[in-house]
Amino acid sequence: MVRSVRRGLLARTRILQFIERAGRASVVDISAAVGLSPSTVRYHLKNMAREGVVKRLAGAGRWYVCPVEQEKLTAYE
């Protein structure tokens, strides 16, 4: 259990770091950059969106880190 939680946090950290560097990114871009399957990336993005850490641009299929919610990022560091 602890190992899977740790792996999940590591995956989210890598996803967030990539989005921060890219500005905005698609699931396919994120997947290729961080070495996770698109379905795994989508799973983490949906959970982080629920937490208010990332948002999806309507119709564009791109995700970005919410600037007003930067303090939530510390949970992944």
C-alpha atoms as a PDB file:
ATOM      1  CA  MET A   1       0.000   0.000   0.000  1.00  0.00           C
ATOM      2  CA  VAL A   2       2.689   2.506   0.997  1.00  0.00           C
ATOM      3  CA  ARG A   3       4.664   1.630  -2.121  1.00  0.00           C
ATOM      4  CA  SER A   4       1.662   2.282  -4.397  1.00  0.00           C
ATOM      5  CA  VAL A   5       0.910   5.610  -2.686  1.00  0.00           C
ATOM      6  CA  ARG A   6       4.546   6.629  -3.068  1.00  0.00           C
ATOM      7  CA  ARG A   7       4.499   5.616  -6.756  1.00  0.00           C
ATOM      8  CA  GLY A   8       1.304   7.627  -7.276  1.00  0.00           C
ATOM      9  CA  LEU A   9       2.821  10.724  -5.693  1.00  0.00           C
ATOM     10  CA  LEU A  10       5.946  10.328  -7.802  1.00  0.00           C
ATOM     11  CA  ALA A  11       3.839  10.008 -10.959  1.00  0.00           C
ATOM     12  CA  ARG A  12       1.806  13.121 -10.084  1.00  0.00           C
ATOM     13  CA  THR A  13       4.959  15.073  -9.327  1.00  0.00           C
ATOM     14  CA  ARG A  14       6.459  14.164 -12.708  1.00  0.00           C
ATOM     15  CA  ILE A  15       3.199  15.050 -14.491  1.00  0.00           C
ATOM     16  CA  LEU A  16       2.979  18.420 -12.728  1.00  0.00           C
ATOM     17  CA  GLN A  17       6.618  19.261 -13.408  1.00  0.00           C
ATOM     18  CA  PHE A  18       6.144  18.547 -17.097  1.00  0.00           C
ATOM     19  CA  ILE A  19       2.970  20.656 -17.322  1.00  0.00           C
ATOM     20  CA  GLU A  20       4.686  23.517 -15.499  1.00  0.00           C
ATOM     21  CA  ARG A  21       7.605  23.446 -17.959  1.00  0.00           C
ATOM     22  CA  ALA A  22       5.371  23.071 -21.024  1.00  0.00           C
ATOM     23  CA  GLY A  23       2.720  25.538 -19.878  1.00  0.00           C
ATOM     24  CA  ARG A  24      -0.049  23.386 -21.314  1.00  0.00           C
ATOM     25  CA  ALA A  25       0.121  19.788 -22.428  1.00  0.00           C
ATOM     26  CA  SER A  26      -2.002  16.994 -23.859  1.00  0.00           C
ATOM     27  CA  VAL A  27      -2.289  13.543 -22.312  1.00  0.00           C
ATOM     28  CA  VAL A  28      -0.215  12.131 -25.189  1.00  0.00           C
ATOM     29  CA  ASP A  29       2.544  14.723 -24.653  1.00  0.00           C
ATOM     30  CA  ILE A  30       2.608  14.103 -20.913  1.00  0.00           C
ATOM     31  CA  SER A  31       2.581  10.335 -21.378  1.00  0.00           C
ATOM     32  CA  ALA A  32       5.559  10.410 -23.734  1.00  0.00           C
ATOM     33  CA  ALA A  33       7.516  12.788 -21.509  1.00  0.00           C
ATOM     34  CA  VAL A  34       7.047  11.014 -18.184  1.00  0.00           C
ATOM     35  CA  GLY A  35       6.975   7.404 -19.366  1.00  0.00           C
ATOM     36  CA  LEU A  36       3.470   6.516 -18.179  1.00  0.00           C
ATOM     37  CA  SER A  37       0.588   5.127 -20.211  1.00  0.00           C
ATOM     38  CA  PRO A  38      -2.045   7.631 -21.404  1.00  0.00           C
ATOM     39  CA  SER A  39      -4.676   5.941 -19.217  1.00  0.00           C
ATOM     40  CA  THR A  40      -2.458   6.321 -16.132  1.00  0.00           C
ATOM     41  CA  VAL A  41      -1.810   9.971 -16.935  1.00  0.00           C
ATOM     42  CA  ARG A  42      -5.543  10.551 -17.453  1.00  0.00           C
ATOM     43  CA  TYR A  43      -6.311   8.896 -14.102  1.00  0.00           C
ATOM     44  CA  HIS A  44      -3.893  11.170 -12.241  1.00  0.00           C
ATOM     45  CA  LEU A  45      -5.036  14.288 -14.115  1.00  0.00           C
ATOM     46  CA  LYS A  46      -8.679  13.633 -13.258  1.00  0.00           C
ATOM     47  CA  ASN A  47      -7.809  13.199  -9.591  1.00  0.00           C
ATOM     48  CA  MET A  48      -5.661  16.330  -9.555  1.00  0.00           C
ATOM     49  CA  ALA A  49      -8.446  18.254 -11.317  1.00  0.00           C
ATOM     50  CA  ARG A  50     -10.845  17.171  -8.584  1.00  0.00           C
ATOM     51  CA  GLU A  51      -8.329  18.528  -6.052  1.00  0.00           C
ATOM     52  CA  GLY A  52      -8.066  21.839  -7.959  1.00  0.00           C
ATOM     53  CA  VAL A  53      -4.399  21.430  -8.896  1.00  0.00           C
ATOM     54  CA  VAL A  54      -4.855  21.205 -12.677  1.00  0.00           C
ATOM     55  CA  LYS A  55      -7.579  22.224 -15.096  1.00  0.00           C
ATOM     56  CA  ARG A  56      -8.530  20.998 -18.525  1.00  0.00           C
ATOM     57  CA  LEU A  57      -8.997  23.539 -21.274  1.00  0.00           C
ATOM     58  CA  ALA A  58     -12.448  23.006 -22.735  1.00  0.00           C
ATOM     59  CA  GLY A  59     -12.341  21.603 -26.231  1.00  0.00           C
ATOM     60  CA  ALA A  60      -8.566  21.845 -26.497  1.00  0.00           C
ATOM     61  CA  GLY A  61      -7.733  18.577 -24.745  1.00  0.00           C
ATOM     62  CA  ARG A  62      -4.885  20.296 -22.916  1.00  0.00           C
ATOM     63  CA  TRP A  63      -4.192  20.448 -19.219  1.00  0.00           C
ATOM     64  CA  TYR A  64      -2.493  23.168 -17.198  1.00  0.00           C
ATOM     65  CA  VAL A  65      -1.557  23.859 -13.589  1.00  0.00           C
ATOM     66  CA  CYS A  66      -3.955  26.249 -11.889  1.00  0.00           C
ATOM     67  CA  PRO A  67      -2.002  29.384 -10.956  1.00  0.00           C
ATOM     68  CA  VAL A  68      -4.259  30.269  -8.015  1.00  0.00           C
ATOM     69  CA  GLU A  69      -3.832  26.816  -6.544  1.00  0.00           C
ATOM     70  CA  GLN A  70      -0.017  26.644  -6.488  1.00  0.00           C
ATOM     71  CA  GLU A  71      -0.006  26.014  -2.735  1.00  0.00           C
ATOM     72  CA  LYS A  72      -1.683  22.634  -3.368  1.00  0.00           C
ATOM     73  CA  LEU A  73       1.391  21.565  -5.294  1.00  0.00           C
ATOM     74  CA  THR A  74       3.379  21.288  -2.075  1.00  0.00           C
ATOM     75  CA  ALA A  75       1.448  18.119  -1.277  1.00  0.00           C
ATOM     76  CA  TYR A  76       3.310  16.469  -4.175  1.00  0.00           C
ATOM     77  CA  GLU A  77       6.794  17.676  -3.299  1.00  0.00           C
END
